[in-house]
Amino acid sequence: MRGFDATVWWGLVAPAKTPSVVVGRLSEEVNAALHDASVAKRLEDLGVVITPQTPEQFGRFIAAQTELWSRVVRTAGIRPD
């Protein structure tokens, strides 16, 4: 469909009050794994587009996706069955 873009994405999240030092460490370790050649190749072989981000960047991405799809649901009048 013209102008339509829907993709699947994955990310690692932690409970809301997780200490920032723990979130930072998790982010560092996950991004290090994503930069590992064997991990990157395996994910790319599965069709994954690797997009390492900081926790702040990922938070903004989640907020933007939430707004986008909330708008789609409201506009289309989608209701749960």
Foldseek 3Di string as FASTA:
>chain_A
DPPDDDDDDDDDDDDPPDDPVVLQVVLVVVVVQCPPPVSVVVCVVVVDDDDRDRPVVVVVVVVVVVVVVVVVCVVVVDDDD
